[in-house]
Amino acid sequence: MKSRNFFSEVIKQGIHIGAVAPSSKFLVKKMIDPIDFSKVKCIVEFGPGIGTITHELLNRMPQNAILIVFEINKEFCEKLRNIDDSRIKIIGDSAENLELYLQSQNISKVDYIVSSLPFTLIPNLVVRKILKIAKSVLTPKGAFIQYQYSLNAYTKLRKTFRRVDLNFTPINLPPAFIFTCTN
């Protein structure tokens, strides 16, 4: 999906999409830098949109790893289904249901969760539930990596995770904060 198609989807579905443009290569790099790909067995991605981060995750993941992506936008799911890679599982459902899908795949823990969810557009109760579930399914050395366009999510993340490291990229539309959260 090209940027203009992404933008038209934003116009149609704006309340559910937290971005106005696909993630820049600078944001993608900062989102995946904390990941130790040499030991990855399972990565989960929340809100992949058109798959900008998804493609880079797949490029770096081992061949025996799995990538489970949660996307509620049907148009984006269709685009993601065009990715020709047996390691990706596309789930057209809310990240709230992560545990159910992990159980159906016989997966108890995941190494990393990479999230582009627009927390400012999601009710607080749902955000808290997603974060609680994310924390519970991470391996001890795992991380929850989230970007946002403001610092509003910092308090929510600190209430859930023991450590929250902050990074920033001004070269994105709009500029973005990257939170790397660990237990």
N, C-alpha and C. Protein backbone atom coordinates (compact mmCIF):
# COMPACT_ATOMS: atom_id res chain seq x y z
N MET A 1 0.85 -1.17 0.00
CA MET A 1 0.00 0.00 0.00
C MET A 1 0.90 1.23 0.00
N LYS A 2 0.65 2.12 -0.88
CA LYS A 2 1.44 3.33 -0.98
C LYS A 2 0.98 4.34 0.06
N SER A 3 1.82 5.35 0.29
CA SER A 3 1.52 6.37 1.30
C SER A 3 0.17 7.04 1.05
N ARG A 4 -0.15 7.32 -0.22
CA ARG A 4 -1.44 8.00 -0.48
C ARG A 4 -2.61 7.09 -0.15
N ASN A 5 -2.45 5.76 -0.41
CA ASN A 5 -3.51 4.82 -0.04
C ASN A 5 -3.63 4.73 1.47
N PHE A 6 -2.49 4.75 2.16
CA PHE A 6 -2.49 4.75 3.63
C PHE A 6 -3.27 5.97 4.12
N PHE A 7 -2.97 7.14 3.53
CA PHE A 7 -3.63 8.37 3.95
C PHE A 7 -5.13 8.30 3.69
N SER A 8 -5.55 7.72 2.56
CA SER A 8 -6.99 7.62 2.30
C SER A 8 -7.66 6.70 3.31
N GLU A 9 -6.94 5.66 3.76
CA GLU A 9 -7.48 4.77 4.80
C GLU A 9 -7.59 5.52 6.12
N VAL A 10 -6.64 6.42 6.39
CA VAL A 10 -6.70 7.26 7.59
C VAL A 10 -7.96 8.13 7.54
N ILE A 11 -8.24 8.69 6.38
CA ILE A 11 -9.43 9.54 6.23
C ILE A 11 -10.70 8.72 6.48
N LYS A 12 -10.77 7.50 5.93
CA LYS A 12 -11.95 6.64 6.10
C LYS A 12 -12.09 6.13 7.52
N GLN A 13 -10.99 5.71 8.13
CA GLN A 13 -11.03 5.00 9.41
C GLN A 13 -10.34 5.79 10.53
N GLY A 14 -10.20 7.08 10.38
CA GLY A 14 -9.38 7.92 11.25
C GLY A 14 -9.45 7.63 12.74
N ILE A 15 -10.61 7.33 13.24
CA ILE A 15 -10.74 7.11 14.68
C ILE A 15 -9.98 5.89 15.15
N HIS A 16 -9.70 4.95 14.25
CA HIS A 16 -9.01 3.72 14.62
C HIS A 16 -7.54 3.71 14.22
N ILE A 17 -7.10 4.71 13.49
CA ILE A 17 -5.72 4.75 13.02
C ILE A 17 -5.04 5.94 13.68
N GLY A 18 -3.92 5.68 14.33
CA GLY A 18 -3.24 6.73 15.09
C GLY A 18 -2.16 7.44 14.33
N ALA A 19 -1.95 7.15 13.05
CA ALA A 19 -0.88 7.76 12.27
C ALA A 19 -1.47 8.48 11.06
N VAL A 20 -0.67 9.39 10.51
CA VAL A 20 -1.09 10.07 9.28
C VAL A 20 -0.23 9.63 8.10
N ALA A 21 0.84 8.90 8.39
CA ALA A 21 1.74 8.40 7.35
C ALA A 21 2.41 7.13 7.88
N PRO A 22 2.89 6.27 6.97
CA PRO A 22 3.63 5.08 7.42
C PRO A 22 4.87 5.48 8.22
N SER A 23 5.34 4.61 9.08
CA SER A 23 6.53 4.87 9.90
C SER A 23 7.75 5.11 9.02
N SER A 24 8.58 6.05 9.42
CA SER A 24 9.82 6.33 8.69
C SER A 24 10.84 5.23 8.97
N LYS A 25 11.86 5.12 8.12
CA LYS A 25 12.91 4.13 8.34
C LYS A 25 13.65 4.42 9.64
N PHE A 26 13.67 5.68 10.07
CA PHE A 26 14.34 6.05 11.32
C PHE A 26 13.57 5.53 12.52
N LEU A 27 12.24 5.64 12.46
CA LEU A 27 11.40 5.10 13.53
C LEU A 27 11.49 3.58 13.55
N VAL A 28 11.42 2.96 12.39
CA VAL A 28 11.51 1.50 12.31
C VAL A 28 12.81 1.03 12.95
N LYS A 29 13.91 1.68 12.62
CA LYS A 29 15.22 1.29 13.18
C LYS A 29 15.21 1.37 14.71
N LYS A 30 14.69 2.46 15.25
CA LYS A 30 14.66 2.62 16.71
C LYS A 30 13.70 1.64 17.38
N MET A 31 12.67 1.22 16.66
CA MET A 31 11.74 0.24 17.21
C MET A 31 12.36 -1.15 17.28
N ILE A 32 13.18 -1.50 16.32
CA ILE A 32 13.71 -2.87 16.29
C ILE A 32 15.13 -2.98 16.85
N ASP A 33 15.80 -1.87 17.09
CA ASP A 33 17.15 -1.91 17.66
C ASP A 33 17.25 -2.69 18.97
N PRO A 34 16.26 -2.61 19.88
CA PRO A 34 16.38 -3.34 21.16
C PRO A 34 16.23 -4.87 21.02
N ILE A 35 15.87 -5.35 19.86
CA ILE A 35 15.58 -6.78 19.68
C ILE A 35 16.86 -7.56 19.39
N ASP A 36 17.06 -8.62 20.18
CA ASP A 36 18.16 -9.56 19.93
C ASP A 36 17.61 -10.66 19.04
N PHE A 37 17.76 -10.49 17.74
CA PHE A 37 17.18 -11.42 16.77
C PHE A 37 17.82 -12.81 16.81
N SER A 38 19.00 -12.93 17.38
CA SER A 38 19.69 -14.23 17.39
C SER A 38 18.96 -15.27 18.25
N LYS A 39 18.16 -14.81 19.20
CA LYS A 39 17.49 -15.73 20.13
C LYS A 39 15.97 -15.72 20.00
N VAL A 40 15.45 -15.03 19.02
CA VAL A 40 14.00 -14.85 18.88
C VAL A 40 13.33 -16.15 18.41
N LYS A 41 12.26 -16.48 19.14
CA LYS A 41 11.39 -17.60 18.73
C LYS A 41 10.02 -17.08 18.31
N CYS A 42 9.55 -16.04 19.03
CA CYS A 42 8.23 -15.49 18.74
C CYS A 42 8.21 -13.99 19.03
N ILE A 43 7.73 -13.24 18.04
CA ILE A 43 7.50 -11.80 18.20
C ILE A 43 6.03 -11.56 17.90
N VAL A 44 5.43 -10.65 18.66
CA VAL A 44 4.05 -10.23 18.42
C VAL A 44 4.10 -8.76 18.02
N GLU A 45 3.28 -8.41 17.03
CA GLU A 45 3.18 -7.01 16.64
C GLU A 45 1.73 -6.57 16.75
N PHE A 46 1.53 -5.46 17.46
CA PHE A 46 0.20 -4.87 17.61
C PHE A 46 0.08 -3.68 16.66
N GLY A 47 -0.97 -3.66 15.85
CA GLY A 47 -1.23 -2.51 14.99
C GLY A 47 -0.19 -2.29 13.91
N PRO A 48 0.09 -3.29 13.08
CA PRO A 48 1.14 -3.14 12.07
C PRO A 48 0.79 -2.22 10.91
N GLY A 49 -0.49 -1.85 10.78
CA GLY A 49 -0.86 -0.98 9.67
C GLY A 49 -0.57 -1.66 8.35
N ILE A 50 0.22 -1.01 7.50
CA ILE A 50 0.55 -1.56 6.18
C ILE A 50 1.79 -2.45 6.22
N GLY A 51 2.38 -2.62 7.40
CA GLY A 51 3.48 -3.57 7.53
C GLY A 51 4.89 -3.01 7.41
N THR A 52 5.06 -1.73 7.60
CA THR A 52 6.39 -1.13 7.49
C THR A 52 7.36 -1.77 8.47
N ILE A 53 6.98 -1.89 9.73
CA ILE A 53 7.82 -2.53 10.73
C ILE A 53 7.81 -4.05 10.52
N THR A 54 6.68 -4.58 10.14
CA THR A 54 6.51 -6.01 9.90
C THR A 54 7.57 -6.55 8.94
N HIS A 55 7.75 -5.87 7.84
CA HIS A 55 8.72 -6.31 6.83
C HIS A 55 10.14 -6.36 7.41
N GLU A 56 10.49 -5.37 8.19
CA GLU A 56 11.84 -5.35 8.76
C GLU A 56 12.01 -6.44 9.81
N LEU A 57 10.96 -6.70 10.58
CA LEU A 57 11.02 -7.81 11.54
C LEU A 57 11.27 -9.12 10.81
N LEU A 58 10.51 -9.36 9.76
CA LEU A 58 10.67 -10.60 8.98
C LEU A 58 12.04 -10.70 8.34
N ASN A 59 12.58 -9.57 7.89
CA ASN A 59 13.92 -9.57 7.30
C ASN A 59 15.00 -10.01 8.28
N ARG A 60 14.78 -9.74 9.56
CA ARG A 60 15.81 -10.02 10.57
C ARG A 60 15.56 -11.27 11.41
N MET A 61 14.34 -11.75 11.41
CA MET A 61 14.00 -12.91 12.23
C MET A 61 14.61 -14.19 11.69
N PRO A 62 14.95 -15.13 12.59
CA PRO A 62 15.40 -16.45 12.13
C PRO A 62 14.28 -17.17 11.36
N GLN A 63 14.65 -18.10 10.53
CA GLN A 63 13.67 -18.84 9.73
C GLN A 63 12.73 -19.70 10.58
N ASN A 64 13.15 -20.07 11.77
CA ASN A 64 12.30 -20.92 12.61
C ASN A 64 11.46 -20.11 13.61
N ALA A 65 11.48 -18.78 13.50
CA ALA A 65 10.70 -17.93 14.40
C ALA A 65 9.32 -17.68 13.81
N ILE A 66 8.43 -17.17 14.65
CA ILE A 66 7.07 -16.85 14.22
C ILE A 66 6.78 -15.39 14.57
N LEU A 67 6.02 -14.73 13.70
CA LEU A 67 5.57 -13.35 13.92
C LEU A 67 4.05 -13.36 13.88
N ILE A 68 3.45 -12.97 15.00
CA ILE A 68 1.99 -12.91 15.10
C ILE A 68 1.59 -11.44 15.14
N VAL A 69 0.77 -11.03 14.16
CA VAL A 69 0.38 -9.62 14.08
C VAL A 69 -1.12 -9.46 14.31
N PHE A 70 -1.45 -8.46 15.11
CA PHE A 70 -2.84 -8.12 15.42
C PHE A 70 -3.19 -6.80 14.77
N GLU A 71 -4.16 -6.83 13.87
CA GLU A 71 -4.60 -5.62 13.16
C GLU A 71 -6.12 -5.66 13.04
N ILE A 72 -6.79 -4.60 13.48
CA ILE A 72 -8.26 -4.58 13.42
C ILE A 72 -8.80 -3.97 12.13
N ASN A 73 -7.97 -3.25 11.38
CA ASN A 73 -8.41 -2.63 10.13
C ASN A 73 -8.41 -3.68 9.02
N LYS A 74 -9.58 -3.93 8.44
CA LYS A 74 -9.73 -4.99 7.42
C LYS A 74 -8.90 -4.72 6.18
N GLU A 75 -8.82 -3.47 5.74
CA GLU A 75 -8.02 -3.14 4.56
C GLU A 75 -6.54 -3.44 4.81
N PHE A 76 -6.06 -3.07 5.99
CA PHE A 76 -4.66 -3.35 6.32
C PHE A 76 -4.42 -4.85 6.42
N CYS A 77 -5.37 -5.59 7.00
CA CYS A 77 -5.23 -7.05 7.08
C CYS A 77 -5.08 -7.66 5.70
N GLU A 78 -5.88 -7.19 4.74
CA GLU A 78 -5.78 -7.72 3.38
C GLU A 78 -4.41 -7.47 2.78
N LYS A 79 -3.86 -6.29 3.01
CA LYS A 79 -2.51 -5.98 2.51
C LYS A 79 -1.47 -6.86 3.20
N LEU A 80 -1.63 -7.07 4.49
CA LEU A 80 -0.68 -7.91 5.24
C LEU A 80 -0.74 -9.36 4.75
N ARG A 81 -1.92 -9.81 4.35
CA ARG A 81 -2.06 -11.20 3.87
C ARG A 81 -1.32 -11.43 2.55
N ASN A 82 -0.93 -10.37 1.88
CA ASN A 82 -0.15 -10.48 0.65
C ASN A 82 1.33 -10.72 0.92
N ILE A 83 1.75 -10.65 2.18
CA ILE A 83 3.15 -10.91 2.51
C ILE A 83 3.38 -12.41 2.37
N ASP A 84 4.30 -12.77 1.52
CA ASP A 84 4.57 -14.17 1.22
C ASP A 84 5.67 -14.69 2.15
N ASP A 85 5.27 -15.06 3.35
CA ASP A 85 6.22 -15.55 4.34
C ASP A 85 5.46 -16.46 5.31
N SER A 86 5.88 -17.70 5.39
CA SER A 86 5.17 -18.68 6.22
C SER A 86 5.31 -18.39 7.72
N ARG A 87 6.22 -17.52 8.12
CA ARG A 87 6.43 -17.22 9.54
C ARG A 87 5.40 -16.25 10.11
N ILE A 88 4.63 -15.59 9.27
CA ILE A 88 3.69 -14.57 9.76
C ILE A 88 2.29 -15.14 9.90
N LYS A 89 1.65 -14.80 11.01
CA LYS A 89 0.26 -15.15 11.29
C LYS A 89 -0.50 -13.83 11.48
N ILE A 90 -1.45 -13.55 10.62
CA ILE A 90 -2.22 -12.32 10.70
C ILE A 90 -3.52 -12.59 11.44
N ILE A 91 -3.74 -11.82 12.50
CA ILE A 91 -4.94 -11.95 13.33
C ILE A 91 -5.76 -10.67 13.16
N GLY A 92 -6.95 -10.77 12.61
CA GLY A 92 -7.84 -9.62 12.44
C GLY A 92 -8.69 -9.43 13.68
N ASP A 93 -8.03 -9.12 14.77
CA ASP A 93 -8.72 -9.00 16.06
C ASP A 93 -7.94 -8.06 16.96
N SER A 94 -8.53 -7.71 18.08
CA SER A 94 -7.92 -6.82 19.05
C SER A 94 -6.78 -7.49 19.81
N ALA A 95 -5.78 -6.72 20.15
CA ALA A 95 -4.66 -7.19 20.95
C ALA A 95 -5.11 -7.68 22.33
N GLU A 96 -6.30 -7.30 22.74
CA GLU A 96 -6.86 -7.78 24.01
C GLU A 96 -6.97 -9.30 24.05
N ASN A 97 -7.06 -9.90 22.88
CA ASN A 97 -7.26 -11.35 22.79
C ASN A 97 -5.97 -12.12 22.54
N LEU A 98 -4.86 -11.51 22.82
CA LEU A 98 -3.55 -12.12 22.60
C LEU A 98 -3.43 -13.51 23.22
N GLU A 99 -3.81 -13.63 24.47
CA GLU A 99 -3.66 -14.92 25.17
C GLU A 99 -4.40 -16.06 24.47
N LEU A 100 -5.60 -15.79 23.98
CA LEU A 100 -6.38 -16.82 23.28
C LEU A 100 -5.64 -17.32 22.04
N TYR A 101 -5.08 -16.40 21.29
CA TYR A 101 -4.38 -16.79 20.06
C TYR A 101 -3.06 -17.49 20.36
N LEU A 102 -2.38 -17.06 21.41
CA LEU A 102 -1.15 -17.75 21.79
C LEU A 102 -1.47 -19.19 22.20
N GLN A 103 -2.52 -19.37 22.98
CA GLN A 103 -2.93 -20.73 23.39
C GLN A 103 -3.25 -21.59 22.18
N SER A 104 -3.92 -21.02 21.19
CA SER A 104 -4.29 -21.80 20.01
C SER A 104 -3.06 -22.21 19.18
N GLN A 105 -1.95 -21.49 19.37
CA GLN A 105 -0.69 -21.81 18.68
C GLN A 105 0.27 -22.59 19.59
N ASN A 106 -0.21 -22.95 20.80
CA ASN A 106 0.62 -23.63 21.81
C ASN A 106 1.87 -22.84 22.17
N ILE A 107 1.70 -21.52 22.29
CA ILE A 107 2.79 -20.62 22.68
C ILE A 107 2.46 -20.06 24.06
N SER A 108 3.38 -20.23 25.00
CA SER A 108 3.12 -19.71 26.35
C SER A 108 3.80 -18.36 26.58
N LYS A 109 4.95 -18.12 25.94
CA LYS A 109 5.69 -16.87 26.14
C LYS A 109 6.19 -16.35 24.80
N VAL A 110 6.32 -15.02 24.72
CA VAL A 110 6.86 -14.38 23.52
C VAL A 110 8.10 -13.57 23.90
N ASP A 111 8.99 -13.42 22.94
CA ASP A 111 10.25 -12.71 23.22
C ASP A 111 10.08 -11.19 23.19
N TYR A 112 9.31 -10.70 22.23
CA TYR A 112 9.13 -9.25 22.10
C TYR A 112 7.72 -8.97 21.62
N ILE A 113 7.21 -7.82 22.06
CA ILE A 113 5.96 -7.28 21.51
C ILE A 113 6.30 -5.90 20.99
N VAL A 114 6.04 -5.69 19.71
CA VAL A 114 6.29 -4.41 19.05
C VAL A 114 4.92 -3.79 18.78
N SER A 115 4.69 -2.61 19.33
CA SER A 115 3.35 -2.04 19.28
C SER A 115 3.31 -0.65 18.67
N SER A 116 2.36 -0.49 17.76
CA SER A 116 2.07 0.82 17.16
C SER A 116 0.66 1.27 17.53
N LEU A 117 0.11 0.67 18.57
CA LEU A 117 -1.27 1.00 18.96
C LEU A 117 -1.37 2.46 19.39
N PRO A 118 -2.39 3.16 18.93
CA PRO A 118 -2.58 4.57 19.31
C PRO A 118 -3.28 4.67 20.67
N PHE A 119 -2.53 4.57 21.75
CA PHE A 119 -3.10 4.53 23.09
C PHE A 119 -4.01 5.72 23.39
N THR A 120 -3.76 6.87 22.80
CA THR A 120 -4.62 8.03 23.08
C THR A 120 -6.02 7.87 22.48
N LEU A 121 -6.17 6.95 21.53
CA LEU A 121 -7.48 6.73 20.90
C LEU A 121 -8.21 5.52 21.47
N ILE A 122 -7.56 4.80 22.38
CA ILE A 122 -8.12 3.58 22.94
C ILE A 122 -8.55 3.86 24.39
N PRO A 123 -9.72 3.39 24.80
CA PRO A 123 -10.16 3.62 26.19
C PRO A 123 -9.11 3.09 27.19
N ASN A 124 -8.93 3.82 28.28
CA ASN A 124 -7.93 3.48 29.29
C ASN A 124 -8.06 2.06 29.81
N LEU A 125 -9.28 1.60 30.02
CA LEU A 125 -9.51 0.24 30.52
C LEU A 125 -8.94 -0.79 29.55
N VAL A 126 -9.12 -0.56 28.26
CA VAL A 126 -8.61 -1.48 27.24
C VAL A 126 -7.08 -1.42 27.20
N VAL A 127 -6.52 -0.22 27.27
CA VAL A 127 -5.05 -0.08 27.28
C VAL A 127 -4.45 -0.83 28.47
N ARG A 128 -5.04 -0.64 29.65
CA ARG A 128 -4.53 -1.34 30.84
C ARG A 128 -4.59 -2.86 30.66
N LYS A 129 -5.68 -3.35 30.08
CA LYS A 129 -5.83 -4.79 29.85
C LYS A 129 -4.76 -5.29 28.88
N ILE A 130 -4.55 -4.57 27.78
CA ILE A 130 -3.54 -4.96 26.79
C ILE A 130 -2.15 -4.98 27.43
N LEU A 131 -1.83 -3.96 28.20
CA LEU A 131 -0.51 -3.90 28.84
C LEU A 131 -0.32 -5.02 29.86
N LYS A 132 -1.36 -5.30 30.62
CA LYS A 132 -1.28 -6.39 31.61
C LYS A 132 -1.04 -7.73 30.92
N ILE A 133 -1.76 -7.98 29.85
CA ILE A 133 -1.59 -9.22 29.10
C ILE A 133 -0.20 -9.29 28.49
N ALA A 134 0.24 -8.17 27.91
CA ALA A 134 1.57 -8.12 27.29
C ALA A 134 2.65 -8.47 28.31
N LYS A 135 2.56 -7.86 29.47
CA LYS A 135 3.55 -8.14 30.52
C LYS A 135 3.54 -9.62 30.90
N SER A 136 2.36 -10.20 31.01
CA SER A 136 2.25 -11.58 31.48
C SER A 136 2.78 -12.61 30.48
N VAL A 137 2.81 -12.27 29.19
CA VAL A 137 3.25 -13.26 28.20
C VAL A 137 4.72 -13.08 27.77
N LEU A 138 5.37 -12.04 28.23
CA LEU A 138 6.76 -11.83 27.86
C LEU A 138 7.70 -12.77 28.61
N THR A 139 8.74 -13.23 27.92
CA THR A 139 9.79 -14.01 28.59
C THR A 139 10.50 -13.08 29.57
N PRO A 140 11.24 -13.62 30.55
CA PRO A 140 11.94 -12.77 31.51
C PRO A 140 12.88 -11.74 30.87
N LYS A 141 13.46 -12.07 29.74
CA LYS A 141 14.37 -11.13 29.06
C LYS A 141 13.69 -10.41 27.90
N GLY A 142 12.39 -10.56 27.80
CA GLY A 142 11.64 -9.95 26.71
C GLY A 142 11.40 -8.47 26.93
N ALA A 143 10.83 -7.82 25.90
CA ALA A 143 10.53 -6.39 25.99
C ALA A 143 9.28 -6.06 25.20
N PHE A 144 8.57 -5.06 25.70
CA PHE A 144 7.43 -4.47 25.03
C PHE A 144 7.92 -3.15 24.47
N ILE A 145 7.87 -2.99 23.15
CA ILE A 145 8.40 -1.79 22.50
C ILE A 145 7.23 -1.07 21.84
N GLN A 146 7.02 0.17 22.25
CA GLN A 146 5.84 0.93 21.84
C GLN A 146 6.28 2.31 21.35
N TYR A 147 5.67 2.80 20.28
CA TYR A 147 5.90 4.20 19.94
C TYR A 147 4.60 4.98 20.07
N GLN A 148 4.76 6.25 20.37
CA GLN A 148 3.64 7.18 20.51
C GLN A 148 4.11 8.55 20.04
N TYR A 149 3.17 9.43 19.78
CA TYR A 149 3.51 10.78 19.34
C TYR A 149 3.55 11.78 20.48
N SER A 150 3.29 11.32 21.69
CA SER A 150 3.39 12.17 22.88
C SER A 150 3.91 11.31 24.03
N LEU A 151 4.14 11.96 25.15
CA LEU A 151 4.62 11.25 26.35
C LEU A 151 3.48 10.77 27.23
N ASN A 152 2.23 10.92 26.79
CA ASN A 152 1.07 10.56 27.61
C ASN A 152 1.08 9.11 28.07
N ALA A 153 1.63 8.21 27.28
CA ALA A 153 1.62 6.78 27.63
C ALA A 153 2.65 6.42 28.69
N TYR A 154 3.60 7.29 28.97
CA TYR A 154 4.69 6.97 29.88
C TYR A 154 4.17 6.49 31.24
N THR A 155 3.23 7.21 31.82
CA THR A 155 2.70 6.85 33.15
C THR A 155 2.04 5.48 33.12
N LYS A 156 1.26 5.20 32.07
CA LYS A 156 0.59 3.89 31.95
C LYS A 156 1.64 2.77 31.85
N LEU A 157 2.66 3.01 31.07
CA LEU A 157 3.71 2.00 30.91
C LEU A 157 4.47 1.79 32.21
N ARG A 158 4.77 2.86 32.94
CA ARG A 158 5.49 2.75 34.22
C ARG A 158 4.67 2.02 35.28
N LYS A 159 3.36 2.13 35.21
CA LYS A 159 2.50 1.42 36.16
C LYS A 159 2.49 -0.08 35.90
N THR A 160 2.86 -0.48 34.69
CA THR A 160 2.81 -1.89 34.31
C THR A 160 4.19 -2.54 34.34
N PHE A 161 5.19 -1.86 33.80
CA PHE A 161 6.51 -2.46 33.65
C PHE A 161 7.51 -1.88 34.66
N ARG A 162 8.46 -2.72 35.07
CA ARG A 162 9.46 -2.31 36.05
C ARG A 162 10.36 -1.20 35.49
N ARG A 163 10.73 -1.34 34.22
CA ARG A 163 11.63 -0.37 33.61
C ARG A 163 11.07 0.09 32.28
N VAL A 164 11.15 1.41 32.05
CA VAL A 164 10.71 1.99 30.79
C VAL A 164 11.82 2.93 30.30
N ASP A 165 12.48 2.55 29.22
CA ASP A 165 13.50 3.40 28.60
C ASP A 165 12.86 4.19 27.48
N LEU A 166 13.28 5.43 27.36
CA LEU A 166 12.68 6.35 26.40
C LEU A 166 13.68 6.73 25.31
N ASN A 167 13.22 6.73 24.07
CA ASN A 167 14.01 7.18 22.94
C ASN A 167 13.13 8.10 22.12
N PHE A 168 13.70 8.78 21.14
CA PHE A 168 12.95 9.75 20.35
C PHE A 168 13.51 9.80 18.94
N THR A 169 12.64 9.96 17.97
CA THR A 169 13.09 10.23 16.61
C THR A 169 12.33 11.43 16.06
N PRO A 170 13.05 12.50 15.73
CA PRO A 170 12.40 13.67 15.14
C PRO A 170 12.10 13.46 13.66
N ILE A 171 12.74 12.44 13.05
CA ILE A 171 12.60 12.23 11.62
C ILE A 171 11.50 11.19 11.36
N ASN A 172 10.29 11.60 11.62
CA ASN A 172 9.09 10.81 11.40
C ASN A 172 7.94 11.80 11.31
N LEU A 173 6.85 11.40 10.67
CA LEU A 173 5.71 12.29 10.56
C LEU A 173 4.54 11.71 11.35
N PRO A 174 4.18 12.27 12.51
CA PRO A 174 4.93 13.27 13.27
C PRO A 174 6.11 12.63 14.01
N PRO A 175 6.98 13.45 14.63
CA PRO A 175 8.07 12.90 15.44
C PRO A 175 7.51 11.95 16.50
N ALA A 176 8.30 10.94 16.87
CA ALA A 176 7.77 9.90 17.75
C ALA A 176 8.68 9.57 18.92
N PHE A 177 8.04 9.19 20.02
CA PHE A 177 8.74 8.68 21.20
C PHE A 177 8.67 7.15 21.17
N ILE A 178 9.78 6.52 21.52
CA ILE A 178 9.85 5.06 21.54
C ILE A 178 10.09 4.64 22.98
N PHE A 179 9.21 3.77 23.49
CA PHE A 179 9.31 3.26 24.85
C PHE A 179 9.71 1.79 24.78
N THR A 180 10.79 1.42 25.46
CA THR A 180 11.19 0.03 25.56
C THR A 180 10.97 -0.39 27.01
N CYS A 181 10.03 -1.31 27.22
CA CYS A 181 9.56 -1.67 28.55
C CYS A 181 9.97 -3.11 28.87
N THR A 182 10.51 -3.29 30.08
CA THR A 182 10.92 -4.62 30.52
C THR A 182 10.40 -4.90 31.93
N ASN A 183 10.29 -6.20 32.25
CA ASN A 183 9.80 -6.60 33.57
C ASN A 183 10.91 -6.59 34.59
